Amino acid sequence: MLILSRKKNESIHIGDNIIITVLDIGGDNIKIGIDAPKNIQVFRSELLKAIEQENKNAVSPQSVIKDLAQFIKGTGKK
């Protein structure tokens, strides 16, 4: 992991097309701006972890059995 110190309005360049700029510093919060091409996805880490967990839950055996049971119940009703 690379650790850098930056002041307000200072930037970090990643490759040729990603720029991270410190926009504001206040207390425990730092606002950053990320300038990246539209084809590069940028996620907050907690959101990415939640997405990964939802994907794992969606393919868990319990989830599949529950969905199958609901499907079977639904096909019996007319």
PDB file of N, CA and C in Angstrom:
ATOM      1  N   MET A   1       0.849  -1.173   0.000  1.00  0.00           N
ATOM      2  CA  MET A   1       0.000   0.000   0.000  1.00  0.00           C
ATOM      3  C   MET A   1       0.895   1.237   0.000  1.00  0.00           C
ATOM      4  N   LEU A   2       0.603   2.143  -0.888  1.00  0.00           N
ATOM      5  CA  LEU A   2       1.306   3.417  -0.956  1.00  0.00           C
ATOM      6  C   LEU A   2       0.566   4.414  -0.072  1.00  0.00           C
ATOM      7  N   ILE A   3       1.278   5.093   0.808  1.00  0.00           N
ATOM      8  CA  ILE A   3       0.677   6.083   1.694  1.00  0.00           C
ATOM      9  C   ILE A   3       1.278   7.441   1.361  1.00  0.00           C
ATOM     10  N   LEU A   4       0.411   8.399   1.042  1.00  0.00           N
ATOM     11  CA  LEU A   4       0.846   9.746   0.678  1.00  0.00           C
ATOM     12  C   LEU A   4       0.127  10.771   1.542  1.00  0.00           C
ATOM     13  N   SER A   5       0.779  11.874   1.794  1.00  0.00           N
ATOM     14  CA  SER A   5       0.136  13.012   2.466  1.00  0.00           C
ATOM     15  C   SER A   5      -0.221  14.038   1.404  1.00  0.00           C
ATOM     16  N   ARG A   6      -1.411  14.593   1.484  1.00  0.00           N
ATOM     17  CA  ARG A   6      -1.869  15.610   0.544  1.00  0.00           C
ATOM     18  C   ARG A   6      -2.558  16.713   1.324  1.00  0.00           C
ATOM     19  N   LYS A   7      -2.448  17.916   0.842  1.00  0.00           N
ATOM     20  CA  LYS A   7      -3.155  19.061   1.408  1.00  0.00           C
ATOM     21  C   LYS A   7      -4.342  19.380   0.519  1.00  0.00           C
ATOM     22  N   LYS A   8      -5.204  20.260   1.012  1.00  0.00           N
ATOM     23  CA  LYS A   8      -6.380  20.669   0.250  1.00  0.00           C
ATOM     24  C   LYS A   8      -5.953  21.161  -1.129  1.00  0.00           C
ATOM     25  N   ASN A   9      -6.695  20.732  -2.145  1.00  0.00           N
ATOM     26  CA  ASN A   9      -6.486  21.067  -3.556  1.00  0.00           C
ATOM     27  C   ASN A   9      -5.273  20.389  -4.182  1.00  0.00           C
ATOM     28  N   GLU A  10      -4.611  19.490  -3.467  1.00  0.00           N
ATOM     29  CA  GLU A  10      -3.521  18.716  -4.054  1.00  0.00           C
ATOM     30  C   GLU A  10      -4.083  17.420  -4.613  1.00  0.00           C
ATOM     31  N   SER A  11      -3.422  16.882  -5.621  1.00  0.00           N
ATOM     32  CA  SER A  11      -3.940  15.713  -6.331  1.00  0.00           C
ATOM     33  C   SER A  11      -2.941  14.564  -6.354  1.00  0.00           C
ATOM     34  N   ILE A  12      -3.472  13.414  -6.697  1.00  0.00           N
ATOM     35  CA  ILE A  12      -2.684  12.208  -6.944  1.00  0.00           C
ATOM     36  C   ILE A  12      -3.112  11.699  -8.316  1.00  0.00           C
ATOM     37  N   HIS A  13      -2.172  11.385  -9.170  1.00  0.00           N
ATOM     38  CA  HIS A  13      -2.466  10.846 -10.496  1.00  0.00           C
ATOM     39  C   HIS A  13      -2.187   9.348 -10.486  1.00  0.00           C
ATOM     40  N   ILE A  14      -3.143   8.595 -10.998  1.00  0.00           N
ATOM     41  CA  ILE A  14      -2.989   7.150 -11.130  1.00  0.00           C
ATOM     42  C   ILE A  14      -3.047   6.837 -12.622  1.00  0.00           C
ATOM     43  N   GLY A  15      -1.950   6.343 -13.130  1.00  0.00           N
ATOM     44  CA  GLY A  15      -1.880   6.099 -14.567  1.00  0.00           C
ATOM     45  C   GLY A  15      -2.026   7.400 -15.332  1.00  0.00           C
ATOM     46  N   ASP A  16      -2.540   7.271 -16.549  1.00  0.00           N
ATOM     47  CA  ASP A  16      -2.698   8.438 -17.411  1.00  0.00           C
ATOM     48  C   ASP A  16      -4.058   9.100 -17.300  1.00  0.00           C
ATOM     49  N   ASN A  17      -5.025   8.417 -16.648  1.00  0.00           N
ATOM     50  CA  ASN A  17      -6.387   8.929 -16.760  1.00  0.00           C
ATOM     51  C   ASN A  17      -7.199   8.943 -15.469  1.00  0.00           C
ATOM     52  N   ILE A  18      -6.568   8.819 -14.308  1.00  0.00           N
ATOM     53  CA  ILE A  18      -7.293   8.906 -13.038  1.00  0.00           C
ATOM     54  C   ILE A  18      -6.607   9.935 -12.162  1.00  0.00           C
ATOM     55  N   ILE A  19      -7.400  10.908 -11.677  1.00  0.00           N
ATOM     56  CA  ILE A  19      -6.878  11.952 -10.792  1.00  0.00           C
ATOM     57  C   ILE A  19      -7.750  11.995  -9.546  1.00  0.00           C
ATOM     58  N   ILE A  20      -7.108  11.902  -8.395  1.00  0.00           N
ATOM     59  CA  ILE A  20      -7.802  12.012  -7.112  1.00  0.00           C
ATOM     60  C   ILE A  20      -7.353  13.324  -6.474  1.00  0.00           C
ATOM     61  N   THR A  21      -8.324  14.194  -6.139  1.00  0.00           N
ATOM     62  CA  THR A  21      -8.029  15.512  -5.596  1.00  0.00           C
ATOM     63  C   THR A  21      -8.659  15.666  -4.222  1.00  0.00           C
ATOM     64  N   VAL A  22      -7.900  16.179  -3.258  1.00  0.00           N
ATOM     65  CA  VAL A  22      -8.437  16.491  -1.931  1.00  0.00           C
ATOM     66  C   VAL A  22      -9.196  17.807  -2.065  1.00  0.00           C
ATOM     67  N   LEU A  23     -10.504  17.764  -1.835  1.00  0.00           N
ATOM     68  CA  LEU A  23     -11.345  18.944  -2.010  1.00  0.00           C
ATOM     69  C   LEU A  23     -11.534  19.725  -0.722  1.00  0.00           C
ATOM     70  N   ASP A  24     -11.661  19.010   0.402  1.00  0.00           N
ATOM     71  CA  ASP A  24     -11.917  19.675   1.669  1.00  0.00           C
ATOM     72  C   ASP A  24     -11.474  18.773   2.805  1.00  0.00           C
ATOM     73  N   ILE A  25     -11.002  19.396   3.871  1.00  0.00           N
ATOM     74  CA  ILE A  25     -10.590  18.671   5.067  1.00  0.00           C
ATOM     75  C   ILE A  25     -11.288  19.321   6.245  1.00  0.00           C
ATOM     76  N   GLY A  26     -11.987  18.511   7.047  1.00  0.00           N
ATOM     77  CA  GLY A  26     -12.680  19.054   8.203  1.00  0.00           C
ATOM     78  C   GLY A  26     -12.892  17.992   9.255  1.00  0.00           C
ATOM     79  N   GLY A  27     -12.267  18.147  10.402  1.00  0.00           N
ATOM     80  CA  GLY A  27     -12.411  17.161  11.467  1.00  0.00           C
ATOM     81  C   GLY A  27     -11.922  15.800  11.021  1.00  0.00           C
ATOM     82  N   ASP A  28     -12.778  14.794  11.165  1.00  0.00           N
ATOM     83  CA  ASP A  28     -12.435  13.426  10.773  1.00  0.00           C
ATOM     84  C   ASP A  28     -12.784  13.122   9.322  1.00  0.00           C
ATOM     85  N   ASN A  29     -13.303  14.096   8.603  1.00  0.00           N
ATOM     86  CA  ASN A  29     -13.748  13.867   7.232  1.00  0.00           C
ATOM     87  C   ASN A  29     -12.846  14.547   6.220  1.00  0.00           C
ATOM     88  N   ILE A  30     -12.655  13.864   5.121  1.00  0.00           N
ATOM     89  CA  ILE A  30     -11.915  14.418   3.991  1.00  0.00           C
ATOM     90  C   ILE A  30     -12.794  14.211   2.765  1.00  0.00           C
ATOM     91  N   LYS A  31     -13.050  15.263   2.005  1.00  0.00           N
ATOM     92  CA  LYS A  31     -13.781  15.133   0.750  1.00  0.00           C
ATOM     93  C   LYS A  31     -12.769  15.001  -0.370  1.00  0.00           C
ATOM     94  N   ILE A  32     -12.962  13.968  -1.192  1.00  0.00           N
ATOM     95  CA  ILE A  32     -12.081  13.789  -2.335  1.00  0.00           C
ATOM     96  C   ILE A  32     -12.909  13.776  -3.607  1.00  0.00           C
ATOM     97  N   GLY A  33     -12.287  14.212  -4.673  1.00  0.00           N
ATOM     98  CA  GLY A  33     -12.896  14.144  -5.994  1.00  0.00           C
ATOM     99  C   GLY A  33     -12.106  13.145  -6.817  1.00  0.00           C
ATOM    100  N   ILE A  34     -12.809  12.337  -7.577  1.00  0.00           N
ATOM    101  CA  ILE A  34     -12.161  11.334  -8.414  1.00  0.00           C
ATOM    102  C   ILE A  34     -12.544  11.607  -9.857  1.00  0.00           C
ATOM    103  N   ASP A  35     -11.562  11.880 -10.660  1.00  0.00           N
ATOM    104  CA  ASP A  35     -11.763  12.105 -12.090  1.00  0.00           C
ATOM    105  C   ASP A  35     -11.224  10.869 -12.806  1.00  0.00           C
ATOM    106  N   ALA A  36     -12.156  10.066 -13.337  1.00  0.00           N
ATOM    107  CA  ALA A  36     -11.790   8.814 -14.001  1.00  0.00           C
ATOM    108  C   ALA A  36     -12.680   8.622 -15.220  1.00  0.00           C
ATOM    109  N   PRO A  37     -12.211   7.852 -16.194  1.00  0.00           N
ATOM    110  CA  PRO A  37     -13.052   7.570 -17.362  1.00  0.00           C
ATOM    111  C   PRO A  37     -14.352   6.873 -16.946  1.00  0.00           C
ATOM    112  N   LYS A  38     -15.390   7.080 -17.723  1.00  0.00           N
ATOM    113  CA  LYS A  38     -16.698   6.503 -17.403  1.00  0.00           C
ATOM    114  C   LYS A  38     -16.696   4.981 -17.388  1.00  0.00           C
ATOM    115  N   ASN A  39     -15.755   4.355 -18.088  1.00  0.00           N
ATOM    116  CA  ASN A  39     -15.735   2.892 -18.126  1.00  0.00           C
ATOM    117  C   ASN A  39     -15.062   2.286 -16.892  1.00  0.00           C
ATOM    118  N   ILE A  40     -14.548   3.111 -15.987  1.00  0.00           N
ATOM    119  CA  ILE A  40     -13.948   2.624 -14.748  1.00  0.00           C
ATOM    120  C   ILE A  40     -14.946   2.826 -13.621  1.00  0.00           C
ATOM    121  N   GLN A  41     -15.312   1.724 -12.968  1.00  0.00           N
ATOM    122  CA  GLN A  41     -16.264   1.808 -11.866  1.00  0.00           C
ATOM    123  C   GLN A  41     -15.538   2.227 -10.593  1.00  0.00           C
ATOM    124  N   VAL A  42     -16.162   3.149  -9.857  1.00  0.00           N
ATOM    125  CA  VAL A  42     -15.611   3.623  -8.587  1.00  0.00           C
ATOM    126  C   VAL A  42     -16.673   3.385  -7.522  1.00  0.00           C
ATOM    127  N   PHE A  43     -16.335   2.601  -6.499  1.00  0.00           N
ATOM    128  CA  PHE A  43     -17.264   2.276  -5.423  1.00  0.00           C
ATOM    129  C   PHE A  43     -16.644   2.612  -4.076  1.00  0.00           C
ATOM    130  N   ARG A  44     -17.470   3.029  -3.114  1.00  0.00           N
ATOM    131  CA  ARG A  44     -17.028   3.095  -1.721  1.00  0.00           C
ATOM    132  C   ARG A  44     -16.841   1.657  -1.252  1.00  0.00           C
ATOM    133  N   SER A  45     -15.846   1.392  -0.434  1.00  0.00           N
ATOM    134  CA  SER A  45     -15.536   0.015  -0.038  1.00  0.00           C
ATOM    135  C   SER A  45     -16.693  -0.641   0.705  1.00  0.00           C
ATOM    136  N   GLU A  46     -17.410   0.103   1.555  1.00  0.00           N
ATOM    137  CA  GLU A  46     -18.514  -0.510   2.298  1.00  0.00           C
ATOM    138  C   GLU A  46     -19.660  -0.898   1.358  1.00  0.00           C
ATOM    139  N   LEU A  47     -19.862  -0.135   0.288  1.00  0.00           N
ATOM    140  CA  LEU A  47     -20.893  -0.471  -0.684  1.00  0.00           C
ATOM    141  C   LEU A  47     -20.492  -1.712  -1.477  1.00  0.00           C
ATOM    142  N   LEU A  48     -19.235  -1.788  -1.865  1.00  0.00           N
ATOM    143  CA  LEU A  48     -18.739  -2.944  -2.597  1.00  0.00           C
ATOM    144  C   LEU A  48     -18.851  -4.216  -1.755  1.00  0.00           C
ATOM    145  N   LYS A  49     -18.537  -4.122  -0.470  1.00  0.00           N
ATOM    146  CA  LYS A  49     -18.671  -5.283   0.432  1.00  0.00           C
ATOM    147  C   LYS A  49     -20.128  -5.722   0.543  1.00  0.00           C
ATOM    148  N   ALA A  50     -21.043  -4.750   0.609  1.00  0.00           N
ATOM    149  CA  ALA A  50     -22.474  -5.080   0.694  1.00  0.00           C
ATOM    150  C   ALA A  50     -22.950  -5.764  -0.587  1.00  0.00           C
ATOM    151  N   ILE A  51     -22.488  -5.295  -1.734  1.00  0.00           N
ATOM    152  CA  ILE A  51     -22.849  -5.911  -3.015  1.00  0.00           C
ATOM    153  C   ILE A  51     -22.324  -7.342  -3.069  1.00  0.00           C
ATOM    154  N   GLU A  52     -21.077  -7.543  -2.655  1.00  0.00           N
ATOM    155  CA  GLU A  52     -20.488  -8.883  -2.657  1.00  0.00           C
ATOM    156  C   GLU A  52     -21.264  -9.824  -1.736  1.00  0.00           C
ATOM    157  N   GLN A  53     -21.672  -9.328  -0.563  1.00  0.00           N
ATOM    158  CA  GLN A  53     -22.436 -10.166   0.371  1.00  0.00           C
ATOM    159  C   GLN A  53     -23.804 -10.524  -0.207  1.00  0.00           C
ATOM    160  N   GLU A  54     -24.472  -9.568  -0.836  1.00  0.00           N
ATOM    161  CA  GLU A  54     -25.762  -9.844  -1.460  1.00  0.00           C
ATOM    162  C   GLU A  54     -25.621 -10.892  -2.561  1.00  0.00           C
ATOM    163  N   ASN A  55     -24.546 -10.804  -3.336  1.00  0.00           N
ATOM    164  CA  ASN A  55     -24.309 -11.798  -4.385  1.00  0.00           C
ATOM    165  C   ASN A  55     -24.085 -13.179  -3.793  1.00  0.00           C
ATOM    166  N   LYS A  56     -23.336 -13.257  -2.684  1.00  0.00           N
ATOM    167  CA  LYS A  56     -23.117 -14.540  -2.012  1.00  0.00           C
ATOM    168  C   LYS A  56     -24.436 -15.101  -1.478  1.00  0.00           C
ATOM    169  N   ASN A  57     -25.241 -14.227  -0.873  1.00  0.00           N
ATOM    170  CA  ASN A  57     -26.534 -14.668  -0.325  1.00  0.00           C
ATOM    171  C   ASN A  57     -27.462 -15.159  -1.435  1.00  0.00           C
ATOM    172  N   ALA A  58     -27.381 -14.541  -2.597  1.00  0.00           N
ATOM    173  CA  ALA A  58     -28.275 -14.897  -3.701  1.00  0.00           C
ATOM    174  C   ALA A  58     -28.008 -16.295  -4.227  1.00  0.00           C
ATOM    175  N   VAL A  59     -26.800 -16.785  -4.070  1.00  0.00           N
ATOM    176  CA  VAL A  59     -26.471 -18.119  -4.587  1.00  0.00           C
ATOM    177  C   VAL A  59     -26.263 -19.142  -3.478  1.00  0.00           C
ATOM    178  N   SER A  60     -26.607 -18.783  -2.232  1.00  0.00           N
ATOM    179  CA  SER A  60     -26.454 -19.738  -1.136  1.00  0.00           C
ATOM    180  C   SER A  60     -27.505 -20.836  -1.273  1.00  0.00           C
ATOM    181  N   PRO A  61     -27.194 -22.052  -0.814  1.00  0.00           N
ATOM    182  CA  PRO A  61     -28.161 -23.158  -0.915  1.00  0.00           C
ATOM    183  C   PRO A  61     -29.503 -22.819  -0.262  1.00  0.00           C
ATOM    184  N   GLN A  62     -29.482 -22.141   0.891  1.00  0.00           N
ATOM    185  CA  GLN A  62     -30.737 -21.792   1.564  1.00  0.00           C
ATOM    186  C   GLN A  62     -31.568 -20.859   0.699  1.00  0.00           C
ATOM    187  N   SER A  63     -30.919 -19.922   0.042  1.00  0.00           N
ATOM    188  CA  SER A  63     -31.622 -18.983  -0.816  1.00  0.00           C
ATOM    189  C   SER A  63     -32.235 -19.690  -2.014  1.00  0.00           C
ATOM    190  N   VAL A  64     -31.480 -20.595  -2.610  1.00  0.00           N
ATOM    191  CA  VAL A  64     -31.970 -21.336  -3.773  1.00  0.00           C
ATOM    192  C   VAL A  64     -33.161 -22.206  -3.378  1.00  0.00           C
ATOM    193  N   ILE A  65     -33.065 -22.881  -2.240  1.00  0.00           N
ATOM    194  CA  ILE A  65     -34.173 -23.729  -1.770  1.00  0.00           C
ATOM    195  C   ILE A  65     -35.407 -22.872  -1.484  1.00  0.00           C
ATOM    196  N   LYS A  66     -35.219 -21.741  -0.839  1.00  0.00           N
ATOM    197  CA  LYS A  66     -36.344 -20.846  -0.536  1.00  0.00           C
ATOM    198  C   LYS A  66     -37.013 -20.365  -1.824  1.00  0.00           C
ATOM    199  N   ASP A  67     -36.196 -19.932  -2.802  1.00  0.00           N
ATOM    200  CA  ASP A  67     -36.753 -19.457  -4.069  1.00  0.00           C
ATOM    201  C   ASP A  67     -37.487 -20.574  -4.801  1.00  0.00           C
ATOM    202  N   LEU A  68     -36.920 -21.786  -4.777  1.00  0.00           N
ATOM    203  CA  LEU A  68     -37.555 -22.933  -5.425  1.00  0.00           C
ATOM    204  C   LEU A  68     -38.877 -23.260  -4.750  1.00  0.00           C
ATOM    205  N   ALA A  69     -38.911 -23.236  -3.427  1.00  0.00           N
ATOM    206  CA  ALA A  69     -40.149 -23.510  -2.695  1.00  0.00           C
ATOM    207  C   ALA A  69     -41.222 -22.482  -3.031  1.00  0.00           C
ATOM    208  N   GLN A  70     -40.833 -21.214  -3.121  1.00  0.00           N
ATOM    209  CA  GLN A  70     -41.794 -20.174  -3.476  1.00  0.00           C
ATOM    210  C   GLN A  70     -42.287 -20.360  -4.906  1.00  0.00           C
ATOM    211  N   PHE A  71     -41.400 -20.770  -5.786  1.00  0.00           N
ATOM    212  CA  PHE A  71     -41.778 -21.012  -7.173  1.00  0.00           C
ATOM    213  C   PHE A  71     -42.790 -22.162  -7.254  1.00  0.00           C
ATOM    214  N   ILE A  72     -42.502 -23.237  -6.529  1.00  0.00           N
ATOM    215  CA  ILE A  72     -43.402 -24.399  -6.556  1.00  0.00           C
ATOM    216  C   ILE A  72     -44.751 -24.021  -5.972  1.00  0.00           C
ATOM    217  N   LYS A  73     -44.783 -23.291  -4.880  1.00  0.00           N
ATOM    218  CA  LYS A  73     -46.057 -22.849  -4.296  1.00  0.00           C
ATOM    219  C   LYS A  73     -46.831 -21.974  -5.267  1.00  0.00           C
ATOM    220  N   GLY A  74     -46.106 -21.114  -5.972  1.00  0.00           N
ATOM    221  CA  GLY A  74     -46.736 -20.201  -6.924  1.00  0.00           C
ATOM    222  C   GLY A  74     -47.331 -20.913  -8.121  1.00  0.00           C
ATOM    223  N   THR A  75     -46.708 -22.016  -8.577  1.00  0.00           N
ATOM    224  CA  THR A  75     -47.223 -22.725  -9.730  1.00  0.00           C
ATOM    225  C   THR A  75     -48.442 -23.561  -9.397  1.00  0.00           C
ATOM    226  N   GLY A  76     -48.653 -23.873  -8.111  1.00  0.00           N
ATOM    227  CA  GLY A  76     -49.813 -24.661  -7.720  1.00  0.00           C
ATOM    228  C   GLY A  76     -51.064 -23.834  -7.597  1.00  0.00           C
ATOM    229  N   LYS A  77     -50.944 -22.529  -7.522  1.00  0.00           N
ATOM    230  CA  LYS A  77     -52.095 -21.639  -7.358  1.00  0.00           C
ATOM    231  C   LYS A  77     -52.590 -21.182  -8.716  1.00  0.00           C
ATOM    232  N   LYS A  78     -53.914 -21.230  -8.899  1.00  0.00           N
ATOM    233  CA  LYS A  78     -54.533 -20.724 -10.129  1.00  0.00           C
ATOM    234  C   LYS A  78     -55.793 -20.001  -9.814  1.00  0.00           C
TER     235      LYS A  78
END
